[in-house]
Amino acid sequence: MRALTILSVFAVLAALPPLAFPALAQENGIAYYALDRIGARMNQPTGLAHAGDDLLYISERAGRILILEEEEFLRTPFLDVEDSVDAEASVEQGLLGLAFDPDYAENGYFYIAYTDADFSLHLERYQASAYRYVALPGSRERLLSIEQASPLHKGGHLRFGPDGYLYLSVGDGGISEDLDSTGQNTDDLRGKILRLDVSDGRPYAIPPDNPFVDADGYRPEIWLMGLRNPWKFSFVQGSRALFIADVGWASSEEINFLPAESRGGENFGWRIYEGELLTEADKAPNANEGLTFPVFSYPHIKPLGYDGSFPVGCAVIGGHVYRGAAMPELQGLYIYSDYCHGDLWTLRQDAAGWQTEKLYETDLNITAIGEDARGELYITSLDGRLYKLIHAPDGDNDNDSVPNEGDNCPLISNRDQADNWGRQGVGDACDQDYYFSKAFGAEVKMFQQHYGAFHIYACNRDGCGFVANLEPGNLDANAMLRLQSEHFGWTVEAAFVSDAAGQVVYNVLVYDDDGAYYVNDLQLLISREALSWRYAS
C-alpha cells in the first residue's frame, strides 16, 4: 500500500484581480493535502518530464531515465547514459535536464543536459525508437558543450517554451562566490538562460528575436543573464510568463518572475547582487539601472522574532504554477520548496505585492517539482522517492490511505504540539508532527506514529539515520530503558517521572560517547487513549 507523508492545512485565499499568469483560487475554504508515494525507490532523481501523454519520465543523477506508467516504473530504462555522465564529484553533477520536443509524437526527439568528468555541461539530442518505450542510443547528437572549471553550479534544466524554442539554464560554474562573475560576462554562456532553435539547422539556430542577436560582445544564445545556479524554471501554462528559482550563495534564495510580455535580456544581478543584497558595490550600475530584482527571496538563517511566515533554507527548488483539475483551490498558485527544509510553499501576487504561504511540511530533501500532462504535481526527493501531491482522503487521520475506525483518535490538549491538520494546542496518537531538539550541531526529530510508538530520527554532520523506537510497552516505572543506536552510537534513555490522572510521564535523553546531549528537554506522555509529548520545563 502506498504511504502518505505528513499532512497539512492550507487556507484558500480570497479571489484576486487578474494577473499576468492564470487566475488564482476563487473560493474560500480549507483543504487538506498529502503526498502519495508512488513506485519503487530510484537512485537520486533530479527531475521529471512528460511528452504530452500518460507516461512520466524521471531522470536519475547517475544517468538513467526511467518511465512511470500507471504508477509503476518499467523495468527497462528509457535511456541509460551512465558511461557518459559523471555524478561523483558533486551532488550538483550528473544527468540534470530532460525535455521532449513539441513535435515528439511525430519525430521522437528529446533532449538531455548532463555533466562529464571534466565538469563540462553538455546538451544532446536523442530519438526514441518506434516502440517509444526505449530510446535509440545511436541517435545521440551533441548540440552544445560548455566548459566549466568546478563541479558546482551547473543549472542544466531544460524546457520548451510556448514559442517552440528550447531553453537551457546554465549555472555560473564557479566556486561558491563566483569570483569570475561569469553571470555578468556577456561573452560567456555561464550564469545564463539560453534560448535555442533546435528545429532548423545543425546543431542549432539562433532565434531571430533573441535580445542580443546583433549585439557586439554578446553571445547570441543568451536569453537572460546574471544568474548563479538556476536549478529549475518553469513557464506558466499557455504564456511566456516564466518563474526562475536561483540558488543563492551566503545569505538568501531568490525567485524571479518574467511577465509574458518580456522579450528577454533581463539581468538578475549576480554577482553584483545576491537577491537584493549588494555584494560588489564598485560594479553596481547607477541607481541599479539595468538590473531585475527577484519578486521574492528568503534567508538562510532565521532572523530574530522569526514567526514561520516565510521559508528559511539553503537551496530553492523551483516548481510550477498549478494547473491541474484535482485541486481547483490551488489553481494559479506557484508551488516551490527548498532542498534543506523540504516544506512546500505557495507564491502568489496580489495588490500588495508577492505573498507566500506554507502549504505543508515534510522532512524530505526535495530535488525537483514537476507536473504530468494533466498539470498534477509530483515531487522527487534525494532518497529516491517519487510523490504525487493529492488531497488527503476524507476521514483518513492515520496516513494509511484508508478511512477506517483506526482514524478515530482521541484528542488531548498539548500546547507544544499541532495535530495532523495544523491546529495548535492539540495532540493525538495519529500525529505525524514531530519534536525538534534544541541542541547545537545535530537535528533530532521524534515522530508519533499512529501504531503507538515514538520514532526517533536524527541528522548530524556525519549524515542522517534512524536512532531508536520507544514503545510504551517497553517502558518501565521501576527501571530506566537504555538503548544504543547503531547508526550514531548514541545512547537513548527513558526514565519514569510520574503517574497521575492516568497519564505516565517519562524523561528522554539522547547523548553521545563524550556525554554531549542531543536531547535533554523531551517528555513523553502516555495514557490509554493517546500518546503525546511536550518540552520538559
Protein backbone atom coordinates (compact mmCIF):
# COMPACT_ATOMS: atom_id res chain seq x y z
CA MET A 1 0.00 0.00 0.00
CA ARG A 2 1.34 3.41 -0.90
CA ALA A 3 2.26 5.57 2.03
CA LEU A 4 1.09 9.11 2.73
CA THR A 5 3.53 11.53 4.28
CA ILE A 6 2.89 14.42 6.61
CA LEU A 7 -0.48 16.13 6.21
CA SER A 8 -1.03 19.83 6.49
CA VAL A 9 -3.58 22.56 6.18
CA PHE A 10 -3.86 25.39 3.70
CA ALA A 11 -6.46 28.12 3.91
CA VAL A 12 -7.55 29.00 0.38
CA LEU A 13 -7.21 32.68 -0.35
CA ALA A 14 -9.94 35.02 -1.47
CA ALA A 15 -10.43 35.83 -5.13
CA LEU A 16 -7.81 38.19 -6.54
CA PRO A 17 -7.74 40.51 -9.54
CA PRO A 18 -6.42 39.11 -12.83
CA LEU A 19 -2.62 38.90 -13.12
CA ALA A 20 -0.05 38.16 -15.79
CA PHE A 21 -0.47 34.46 -15.08
CA PRO A 22 -3.60 32.29 -14.62
CA ALA A 23 -6.23 33.37 -12.14
CA LEU A 24 -5.83 32.37 -8.52
CA ALA A 25 -8.27 30.32 -6.46
CA GLN A 26 -11.75 31.79 -6.48
CA GLU A 27 -13.32 30.10 -3.44
CA ASN A 28 -12.75 30.25 0.28
CA GLY A 29 -12.37 27.23 2.48
CA ILE A 30 -9.89 24.71 3.83
CA ALA A 31 -8.28 21.79 2.05
CA TYR A 32 -6.04 19.05 3.42
CA TYR A 33 -3.16 17.62 1.43
CA ALA A 34 -0.86 14.63 1.40
CA LEU A 35 2.00 13.20 -0.64
CA ASP A 36 1.15 9.85 -2.21
CA ARG A 37 4.33 7.77 -2.55
CA ILE A 38 4.46 6.10 -5.95
CA GLY A 39 6.60 3.32 -7.41
CA ALA A 40 9.86 1.78 -6.26
CA ARG A 41 12.91 3.60 -4.97
CA MET A 42 15.16 5.28 -7.56
CA ASN A 43 18.76 6.45 -7.49
CA GLN A 44 18.79 10.17 -6.65
CA PRO A 45 16.22 11.57 -9.10
CA THR A 46 16.96 15.03 -10.46
CA GLY A 47 13.86 15.88 -12.47
CA LEU A 48 10.76 14.70 -14.25
CA ALA A 49 9.04 15.50 -17.52
CA HIS A 50 6.20 14.33 -19.75
CA ALA A 51 5.79 14.07 -23.50
CA GLY A 52 2.13 15.02 -23.63
CA ASP A 53 0.77 11.54 -22.88
CA ASP A 54 0.11 9.43 -19.79
CA LEU A 55 3.77 8.49 -19.22
CA LEU A 56 6.08 10.25 -16.78
CA TYR A 57 9.85 10.28 -17.30
CA ILE A 58 12.21 10.64 -14.34
CA SER A 59 15.93 11.37 -14.68
CA GLU A 60 18.43 9.91 -12.22
CA ARG A 61 21.63 11.74 -11.38
CA ALA A 62 23.81 8.79 -12.41
CA GLY A 63 22.47 8.83 -15.97
CA ARG A 64 19.28 6.78 -16.37
CA ILE A 65 15.83 7.93 -17.47
CA LEU A 66 13.00 5.81 -16.07
CA ILE A 67 9.41 5.58 -17.29
CA LEU A 68 6.46 5.61 -14.92
CA GLU A 69 3.33 4.01 -16.38
CA GLU A 70 0.16 3.56 -14.33
CA GLU A 71 2.13 4.43 -11.19
CA GLU A 72 4.73 1.70 -11.72
CA PHE A 73 8.26 2.03 -13.08
CA LEU A 74 9.06 -0.01 -16.16
CA ARG A 75 11.96 -2.39 -15.65
CA THR A 76 13.88 -1.23 -18.74
CA PRO A 77 15.19 2.37 -18.65
CA PHE A 78 14.09 4.65 -21.44
CA LEU A 79 17.74 5.76 -21.79
CA ASP A 80 20.96 4.91 -19.97
CA VAL A 81 23.94 7.24 -20.45
CA GLU A 82 25.82 6.35 -17.27
CA ASP A 83 29.01 5.80 -19.29
CA SER A 84 28.99 9.46 -20.34
CA VAL A 85 27.71 11.08 -17.16
CA ASP A 86 29.88 11.87 -14.17
CA ALA A 87 27.98 12.22 -10.92
CA GLU A 88 30.80 11.61 -8.45
CA ALA A 89 32.49 14.97 -7.92
CA SER A 90 29.47 16.79 -6.52
CA VAL A 91 25.77 16.35 -5.81
CA GLU A 92 25.30 19.12 -8.40
CA GLN A 93 26.80 16.92 -11.13
CA GLY A 94 25.05 14.28 -13.23
CA LEU A 95 22.08 13.97 -15.57
CA LEU A 96 20.32 17.25 -14.85
CA GLY A 97 17.86 18.08 -17.61
CA LEU A 98 15.26 16.38 -19.81
CA ALA A 99 12.79 17.88 -22.28
CA PHE A 100 10.65 16.47 -25.08
CA ASP A 101 10.34 18.11 -28.48
CA PRO A 102 6.98 19.82 -29.09
CA ASP A 103 6.65 17.50 -32.09
CA TYR A 104 7.79 14.42 -30.15
CA ALA A 105 4.72 12.41 -31.20
CA GLU A 106 5.85 12.78 -34.82
CA ASN A 107 9.67 12.97 -34.69
CA GLY A 108 10.55 11.19 -31.40
CA TYR A 109 13.20 13.79 -30.46
CA PHE A 110 14.08 14.57 -26.86
CA TYR A 111 16.94 16.47 -25.23
CA ILE A 112 19.12 15.94 -22.17
CA ALA A 113 21.69 18.01 -20.28
CA TYR A 114 24.41 16.41 -18.18
CA THR A 115 27.94 16.89 -16.84
CA ASP A 116 31.04 14.83 -17.54
CA ALA A 117 34.25 14.09 -15.59
CA ASP A 118 35.76 17.41 -16.74
CA PHE A 119 32.80 19.30 -15.16
CA SER A 120 31.57 20.39 -18.59
CA LEU A 121 27.84 20.71 -19.26
CA HIS A 122 26.58 19.05 -22.45
CA LEU A 123 23.32 19.41 -24.36
CA GLU A 124 22.41 16.41 -26.53
CA ARG A 125 19.54 15.25 -28.69
CA TYR A 126 18.26 11.67 -28.90
CA GLN A 127 15.44 9.96 -30.70
CA ALA A 128 13.00 7.40 -29.35
CA SER A 129 12.57 4.09 -31.14
CA ALA A 130 9.35 3.24 -32.94
CA TYR A 131 8.45 1.31 -29.80
CA ARG A 132 8.68 4.62 -27.89
CA TYR A 133 9.37 2.91 -24.55
CA VAL A 134 13.09 2.77 -25.42
CA ALA A 135 15.35 5.44 -26.89
CA LEU A 136 17.90 4.82 -29.63
CA PRO A 137 21.39 5.27 -28.09
CA GLY A 138 22.91 5.57 -31.58
CA SER A 139 20.78 8.63 -32.33
CA ARG A 140 22.88 10.74 -30.00
CA GLU A 141 23.79 14.17 -31.34
CA ARG A 142 25.71 16.72 -29.29
CA LEU A 143 24.40 20.24 -29.77
CA LEU A 144 26.39 22.27 -27.27
CA SER A 145 29.18 21.89 -24.70
CA ILE A 146 30.01 24.46 -22.04
CA GLU A 147 33.35 24.06 -20.28
CA GLN A 148 33.40 24.71 -16.54
CA ALA A 149 36.21 24.73 -14.03
CA SER A 150 34.46 23.28 -10.99
CA PRO A 151 31.85 20.63 -10.16
CA LEU A 152 29.47 23.25 -8.78
CA HIS A 153 26.57 25.35 -10.08
CA LYS A 154 25.56 23.61 -13.29
CA GLY A 155 21.92 24.56 -13.71
CA GLY A 156 21.16 22.13 -16.52
CA HIS A 157 17.37 22.46 -16.59
CA LEU A 158 15.62 22.15 -19.97
CA ARG A 159 12.18 23.25 -21.10
CA PHE A 160 10.50 24.13 -24.37
CA GLY A 161 8.67 27.42 -24.27
CA PRO A 162 5.28 28.10 -25.83
CA ASP A 163 7.22 29.69 -28.70
CA GLY A 164 8.68 26.28 -29.61
CA TYR A 165 12.25 27.21 -28.65
CA LEU A 166 14.42 25.22 -26.24
CA TYR A 167 15.50 26.97 -23.03
CA LEU A 168 18.57 25.78 -21.09
CA SER A 169 19.69 27.08 -17.68
CA VAL A 170 23.45 27.25 -17.11
CA GLY A 171 24.96 27.87 -13.67
CA ASP A 172 27.90 30.18 -13.14
CA GLY A 173 30.17 27.14 -12.89
CA GLY A 174 32.40 28.68 -10.26
CA ILE A 175 33.16 28.17 -6.63
CA SER A 176 30.56 29.38 -4.16
CA GLU A 177 31.15 33.11 -4.57
CA ASP A 178 31.84 33.03 -8.35
CA LEU A 179 34.90 35.26 -8.25
CA ASP A 180 34.95 35.36 -12.05
CA SER A 181 31.43 36.86 -12.11
CA THR A 182 30.54 34.81 -15.18
CA GLY A 183 26.88 35.82 -14.92
CA GLN A 184 27.89 39.35 -15.93
CA ASN A 185 30.26 38.27 -18.72
CA THR A 186 28.32 38.78 -21.94
CA ASP A 187 30.73 36.63 -23.94
CA ASP A 188 30.26 33.64 -21.62
CA LEU A 189 27.30 31.25 -21.56
CA ARG A 190 27.64 30.55 -17.86
CA GLY A 191 25.28 32.19 -15.39
CA LYS A 192 22.58 32.47 -18.07
CA ILE A 193 19.42 31.02 -19.51
CA LEU A 194 19.88 30.25 -23.20
CA ARG A 195 17.22 30.19 -25.92
CA LEU A 196 17.88 27.93 -28.90
CA ASP A 197 16.08 26.97 -32.08
CA VAL A 198 16.60 23.23 -32.42
CA SER A 199 14.02 22.76 -35.18
CA ASP A 200 16.21 24.09 -38.01
CA GLY A 201 19.92 23.98 -38.59
CA ARG A 202 22.64 21.90 -37.04
CA PRO A 203 23.48 21.81 -34.28
CA TYR A 204 21.03 24.66 -33.56
CA ALA A 205 19.99 28.07 -34.83
CA ILE A 206 19.65 31.38 -33.01
CA PRO A 207 16.06 32.62 -32.74
CA PRO A 208 15.95 35.90 -34.70
CA ASP A 209 14.30 37.77 -31.81
CA ASN A 210 16.85 36.80 -29.16
CA PRO A 211 17.72 40.02 -27.32
CA PHE A 212 21.46 40.04 -28.12
CA VAL A 213 21.39 38.50 -31.58
CA ASP A 214 23.03 41.58 -33.16
CA ALA A 215 24.82 42.99 -30.11
CA ASP A 216 28.62 43.23 -30.18
CA GLY A 217 30.34 41.34 -27.37
CA TYR A 218 27.31 39.20 -26.54
CA ARG A 219 26.75 35.53 -27.20
CA PRO A 220 23.54 35.43 -29.27
CA GLU A 221 22.25 32.34 -27.43
CA ILE A 222 21.73 34.40 -24.25
CA TRP A 223 18.12 35.00 -23.25
CA LEU A 224 18.62 36.00 -19.57
CA MET A 225 21.78 36.73 -17.56
CA GLY A 226 23.09 37.46 -14.07
CA LEU A 227 22.13 34.09 -12.55
CA ARG A 228 24.05 31.89 -10.11
CA ASN A 229 22.54 28.41 -10.23
CA PRO A 230 19.08 28.39 -11.85
CA TRP A 231 18.36 24.78 -10.87
CA LYS A 232 14.73 24.82 -12.03
CA PHE A 233 12.50 27.16 -14.03
CA SER A 234 9.02 26.81 -15.49
CA PHE A 235 6.66 28.54 -17.87
CA VAL A 236 3.14 29.43 -16.86
CA GLN A 237 0.87 27.29 -18.98
CA GLY A 238 -0.22 28.98 -22.20
CA SER A 239 2.05 32.01 -21.91
CA ARG A 240 5.67 33.12 -21.94
CA ALA A 241 5.49 34.12 -18.28
CA LEU A 242 8.42 32.47 -16.54
CA PHE A 243 9.38 31.60 -12.95
CA ILE A 244 13.10 31.07 -12.23
CA ALA A 245 14.36 29.69 -8.91
CA ASP A 246 18.01 30.72 -8.49
CA VAL A 247 20.03 29.02 -5.73
CA GLY A 248 21.82 31.56 -3.54
CA TRP A 249 25.28 31.90 -2.06
CA ALA A 250 25.77 33.06 1.53
CA SER A 251 22.58 34.74 2.61
CA SER A 252 19.44 34.23 0.53
CA GLU A 253 17.48 32.25 -2.04
CA GLU A 254 15.56 34.01 -4.78
CA ILE A 255 12.61 33.50 -7.12
CA ASN A 256 12.44 35.61 -10.25
CA PHE A 257 9.39 36.19 -12.42
CA LEU A 258 9.21 37.39 -16.02
CA PRO A 259 5.81 38.54 -17.26
CA ALA A 260 4.51 37.19 -20.55
CA GLU A 261 5.30 40.43 -22.38
CA SER A 262 9.04 40.15 -21.63
CA ARG A 263 11.25 39.77 -24.67
CA GLY A 264 14.35 38.63 -22.79
CA GLY A 265 17.59 40.37 -21.99
CA GLU A 266 16.93 40.85 -18.25
CA ASN A 267 19.95 40.88 -15.94
CA PHE A 268 19.25 39.42 -12.48
CA GLY A 269 22.35 40.92 -10.95
CA TRP A 270 24.53 38.05 -9.72
CA ARG A 271 27.27 38.56 -8.65
CA ILE A 272 26.74 42.30 -8.12
CA TYR A 273 23.74 41.36 -6.01
CA GLU A 274 22.68 38.25 -4.16
CA GLY A 275 18.94 38.62 -4.06
CA GLU A 276 18.55 42.24 -3.00
CA LEU A 277 21.85 42.37 -1.10
CA LEU A 278 24.63 44.36 -2.74
CA THR A 279 27.84 42.30 -2.83
CA GLU A 280 30.05 44.28 -5.24
CA ALA A 281 29.37 47.99 -4.80
CA ASP A 282 32.05 49.03 -7.28
CA LYS A 283 30.29 47.13 -10.07
CA ALA A 284 26.72 48.21 -9.36
CA PRO A 285 25.15 50.31 -12.13
CA ASN A 286 23.99 53.78 -11.14
CA ALA A 287 20.64 53.52 -9.34
CA ASN A 288 20.63 49.80 -10.17
CA GLU A 289 19.99 50.68 -13.78
CA GLY A 290 19.54 47.64 -15.97
CA LEU A 291 19.07 45.08 -13.17
CA THR A 292 15.97 43.00 -12.46
CA PHE A 293 15.44 42.03 -8.83
CA PRO A 294 13.68 38.91 -7.55
CA VAL A 295 9.96 39.08 -6.81
CA PHE A 296 10.62 37.05 -3.67
CA SER A 297 13.63 35.98 -1.62
CA TYR A 298 14.14 34.28 1.74
CA PRO A 299 17.10 33.94 4.13
CA HIS A 300 19.43 31.13 5.12
CA ILE A 301 19.24 31.97 8.84
CA LYS A 302 16.14 32.53 10.95
CA PRO A 303 16.02 36.20 11.95
CA LEU A 304 15.20 37.34 15.47
CA GLY A 305 11.49 37.07 16.06
CA TYR A 306 11.01 34.61 13.19
CA ASP A 307 7.32 33.68 13.04
CA GLY A 308 7.38 30.93 10.39
CA SER A 309 5.52 33.03 7.81
CA PHE A 310 8.26 32.59 5.20
CA PRO A 311 10.78 29.86 4.41
CA VAL A 312 14.33 29.60 5.70
CA GLY A 313 16.61 27.27 3.76
CA CYS A 314 19.73 26.71 1.70
CA ALA A 315 18.78 25.88 -1.91
CA VAL A 316 15.49 26.89 -3.52
CA ILE A 317 13.75 24.20 -5.58
CA GLY A 318 11.62 25.83 -8.23
CA GLY A 319 8.24 24.42 -9.05
CA HIS A 320 5.19 25.11 -11.18
CA VAL A 321 2.06 27.16 -11.25
CA TYR A 322 -0.59 24.55 -10.53
CA ARG A 323 -2.94 24.00 -13.48
CA GLY A 324 -4.44 20.59 -12.67
CA ALA A 325 -8.10 19.77 -12.05
CA ALA A 326 -7.83 17.60 -8.92
CA MET A 327 -7.21 20.54 -6.55
CA PRO A 328 -9.01 23.57 -8.04
CA GLU A 329 -8.31 25.69 -4.96
CA LEU A 330 -4.60 25.68 -5.93
CA GLN A 331 -5.19 26.93 -9.47
CA GLY A 332 -2.77 29.70 -10.34
CA LEU A 333 -0.53 29.30 -7.29
CA TYR A 334 3.20 28.81 -7.83
CA ILE A 335 4.36 25.93 -5.63
CA TYR A 336 8.03 25.70 -4.64
CA SER A 337 10.29 24.22 -1.97
CA ASP A 338 13.83 24.19 -0.61
CA TYR A 339 16.30 21.33 -0.58
CA CYS A 340 17.14 21.79 3.10
CA HIS A 341 13.77 22.42 4.75
CA GLY A 342 11.62 20.24 2.47
CA ASP A 343 8.39 22.16 3.04
CA LEU A 344 6.11 23.14 0.17
CA TRP A 345 5.15 26.80 -0.15
CA THR A 346 2.88 28.79 -2.44
CA LEU A 347 3.68 32.12 -4.06
CA ARG A 348 1.09 34.49 -5.47
CA GLN A 349 0.74 38.13 -6.43
CA ASP A 350 -1.93 40.49 -5.19
CA ALA A 351 -2.41 44.25 -4.99
CA ALA A 352 0.05 44.42 -2.08
CA GLY A 353 2.80 42.50 -3.90
CA TRP A 354 4.04 38.92 -3.79
CA GLN A 355 2.83 36.75 -0.93
CA THR A 356 3.99 33.34 0.26
CA GLU A 357 2.26 30.78 2.48
CA LYS A 358 3.20 27.31 3.66
CA LEU A 359 1.23 24.52 2.00
CA TYR A 360 2.50 21.69 4.23
CA GLU A 361 5.62 20.33 5.92
CA THR A 362 7.81 17.38 5.02
CA ASP A 363 11.19 16.09 6.14
CA LEU A 364 12.28 15.34 2.56
CA ASN A 365 15.32 16.62 0.68
CA ILE A 366 13.30 17.65 -2.37
CA THR A 367 15.25 17.69 -5.64
CA ALA A 368 12.53 18.56 -8.15
CA ILE A 369 8.88 19.51 -8.54
CA GLY A 370 7.33 18.53 -11.86
CA GLU A 371 3.99 18.01 -13.50
CA ASP A 372 2.28 15.44 -15.68
CA ALA A 373 0.39 16.17 -18.88
CA ARG A 374 -2.75 16.99 -16.86
CA GLY A 375 -0.95 19.53 -14.70
CA GLU A 376 -0.90 17.45 -11.49
CA LEU A 377 2.24 17.92 -9.40
CA TYR A 378 4.90 15.38 -8.43
CA ILE A 379 7.89 15.69 -6.10
CA THR A 380 11.18 13.80 -6.17
CA SER A 381 13.50 13.51 -3.17
CA LEU A 382 17.17 12.68 -2.76
CA ASP A 383 16.32 9.38 -1.04
CA GLY A 384 14.98 8.11 -4.38
CA ARG A 385 11.26 8.54 -3.87
CA LEU A 386 8.52 9.92 -6.11
CA TYR A 387 5.42 11.50 -4.58
CA LYS A 388 2.22 12.93 -6.01
CA LEU A 389 0.51 15.90 -4.37
CA ILE A 390 -3.09 14.95 -3.61
CA HIS A 391 -6.00 15.78 -1.37
CA ALA A 392 -5.95 13.76 1.82
CA PRO A 393 -8.62 11.03 1.73
CA ASP A 394 -11.73 12.07 3.64
CA GLY A 395 -11.56 11.00 7.26
CA ASP A 396 -8.08 9.50 6.98
CA ASN A 397 -6.10 10.63 10.01
CA ASP A 398 -3.60 7.80 10.33
CA ASN A 399 -1.94 8.26 6.93
CA ASP A 400 -2.71 4.79 5.57
CA SER A 401 -4.89 5.93 2.62
CA VAL A 402 -7.87 4.06 4.11
CA PRO A 403 -10.55 5.89 6.11
CA ASN A 404 -11.49 3.44 8.85
CA GLU A 405 -12.14 3.09 12.57
CA GLY A 406 -8.43 3.37 13.26
CA ASP A 407 -8.71 7.03 12.30
CA ASN A 408 -10.83 7.88 15.34
CA CYS A 409 -8.01 9.17 17.51
CA PRO A 410 -8.78 10.92 20.79
CA LEU A 411 -7.61 14.49 21.22
CA ILE A 412 -5.51 15.60 24.18
CA SER A 413 -4.62 19.21 24.87
CA ASN A 414 -0.91 19.92 24.37
CA ARG A 415 0.25 23.48 23.88
CA ASP A 416 3.56 22.40 22.32
CA GLN A 417 2.09 20.32 19.55
CA ALA A 418 -0.15 20.64 16.50
CA ASP A 419 -2.30 17.83 15.19
CA ASN A 420 -2.41 16.48 11.61
CA TRP A 421 -4.41 19.46 10.40
CA GLY A 422 -2.12 22.08 11.89
CA ARG A 423 -4.35 23.03 14.82
CA GLN A 424 -2.16 24.30 17.63
CA GLY A 425 -2.72 23.14 21.19
CA VAL A 426 -3.97 19.70 20.18
CA GLY A 427 -2.04 16.44 20.20
CA ASP A 428 -3.23 12.98 19.28
CA ALA A 429 -1.94 9.47 18.61
CA CYS A 430 -2.33 9.88 14.85
CA ASP A 431 0.11 12.76 14.60
CA GLN A 432 2.98 12.76 12.16
CA ASP A 433 4.15 16.09 13.57
CA TYR A 434 7.48 15.95 15.27
CA TYR A 435 9.57 17.19 18.12
CA PHE A 436 12.83 19.02 17.28
CA SER A 437 15.83 19.00 19.58
CA LYS A 438 17.32 22.33 20.54
CA ALA A 439 20.88 21.00 20.60
CA PHE A 440 23.62 22.61 18.54
CA GLY A 441 25.32 20.52 15.88
CA ALA A 442 22.51 18.00 15.32
CA GLU A 443 18.85 17.83 14.45
CA VAL A 444 16.84 15.21 16.28
CA LYS A 445 13.23 14.52 15.32
CA MET A 446 10.72 12.40 17.20
CA PHE A 447 7.66 11.25 15.27
CA GLN A 448 4.48 9.97 16.89
CA GLN A 449 3.38 7.02 14.79
CA HIS A 450 -0.27 6.05 14.63
CA TYR A 451 0.56 2.47 15.63
CA GLY A 452 1.61 3.66 19.06
CA ALA A 453 5.37 4.19 19.18
CA PHE A 454 7.78 7.12 19.33
CA HIS A 455 10.22 7.01 16.40
CA ILE A 456 13.46 8.98 16.85
CA TYR A 457 15.36 10.03 13.73
CA ALA A 458 18.36 12.34 13.59
CA CYS A 459 20.88 14.15 11.43
CA ASN A 460 24.32 15.39 12.40
CA ARG A 461 27.49 16.31 10.50
CA ASP A 462 28.00 12.64 9.60
CA GLY A 463 24.62 12.20 7.95
CA CYS A 464 21.09 11.15 8.84
CA GLY A 465 19.58 7.95 10.14
CA PHE A 466 17.29 6.08 12.47
CA VAL A 467 18.16 6.28 16.17
CA ALA A 468 15.57 4.29 18.12
CA ASN A 469 11.93 3.34 18.64
CA LEU A 470 10.48 3.98 22.08
CA GLU A 471 7.45 1.74 22.55
CA PRO A 472 5.23 2.29 25.60
CA GLY A 473 5.16 -1.45 26.30
CA ASN A 474 8.94 -1.47 26.82
CA LEU A 475 8.97 1.40 29.31
CA ASP A 476 9.08 0.56 33.00
CA ALA A 477 8.39 2.73 36.02
CA ASN A 478 10.93 0.70 38.04
CA ALA A 479 13.85 0.65 35.59
CA MET A 480 15.34 3.08 33.12
CA LEU A 481 15.13 2.00 29.48
CA ARG A 482 18.53 2.41 27.80
CA LEU A 483 19.00 1.84 24.03
CA GLN A 484 22.16 2.03 21.94
CA SER A 485 21.81 3.48 18.44
CA GLU A 486 23.67 1.53 15.77
CA HIS A 487 23.66 4.46 13.35
CA PHE A 488 25.39 7.04 15.53
CA GLY A 489 26.47 5.08 18.56
CA TRP A 490 24.29 7.42 20.61
CA THR A 491 22.63 6.36 23.84
CA VAL A 492 18.90 6.83 24.35
CA GLU A 493 17.48 6.80 27.87
CA ALA A 494 13.85 6.97 29.04
CA ALA A 495 13.28 7.46 32.77
CA PHE A 496 9.98 7.41 34.68
CA VAL A 497 8.89 10.77 36.12
CA SER A 498 5.31 10.49 37.33
CA ASP A 499 1.96 8.75 37.01
CA ALA A 500 -1.03 10.97 37.67
CA ALA A 501 -4.59 11.06 36.38
CA GLY A 502 -3.94 8.06 34.14
CA GLN A 503 -1.02 9.71 32.31
CA VAL A 504 2.52 8.37 32.68
CA VAL A 505 5.40 10.78 32.06
CA TYR A 506 8.95 9.82 31.02
CA ASN A 507 12.02 12.00 30.51
CA VAL A 508 14.10 11.22 27.41
CA LEU A 509 17.83 11.84 26.99
CA VAL A 510 19.96 11.27 23.89
CA TYR A 511 23.73 11.69 24.20
CA ASP A 512 26.95 10.56 22.51
CA ASP A 513 30.05 8.73 23.78
CA ASP A 514 31.52 12.00 25.06
CA GLY A 515 28.42 12.75 27.08
CA ALA A 516 27.26 15.60 24.85
CA TYR A 517 23.48 15.87 24.95
CA TYR A 518 21.43 16.00 21.75
CA VAL A 519 18.10 15.66 23.55
CA ASN A 520 17.62 16.74 27.15
CA ASP A 521 14.30 18.61 27.04
CA LEU A 522 11.78 15.97 25.94
CA GLN A 523 8.99 14.34 27.91
CA LEU A 524 6.75 11.56 26.65
CA LEU A 525 3.13 11.46 27.83
CA ILE A 526 1.42 8.06 27.69
CA SER A 527 -2.15 7.18 28.53
CA ARG A 528 -4.62 4.51 27.47
CA GLU A 529 -6.16 6.92 24.99
CA ALA A 530 -3.20 8.53 23.27
CA LEU A 531 0.48 9.30 23.01
CA SER A 532 1.76 12.86 23.14
CA TRP A 533 4.85 14.82 24.08
CA ARG A 534 5.98 18.16 25.47
CA TYR A 535 9.16 20.07 26.04
CA ALA A 536 10.40 19.49 29.59
CA SER A 537 10.41 22.71 31.57
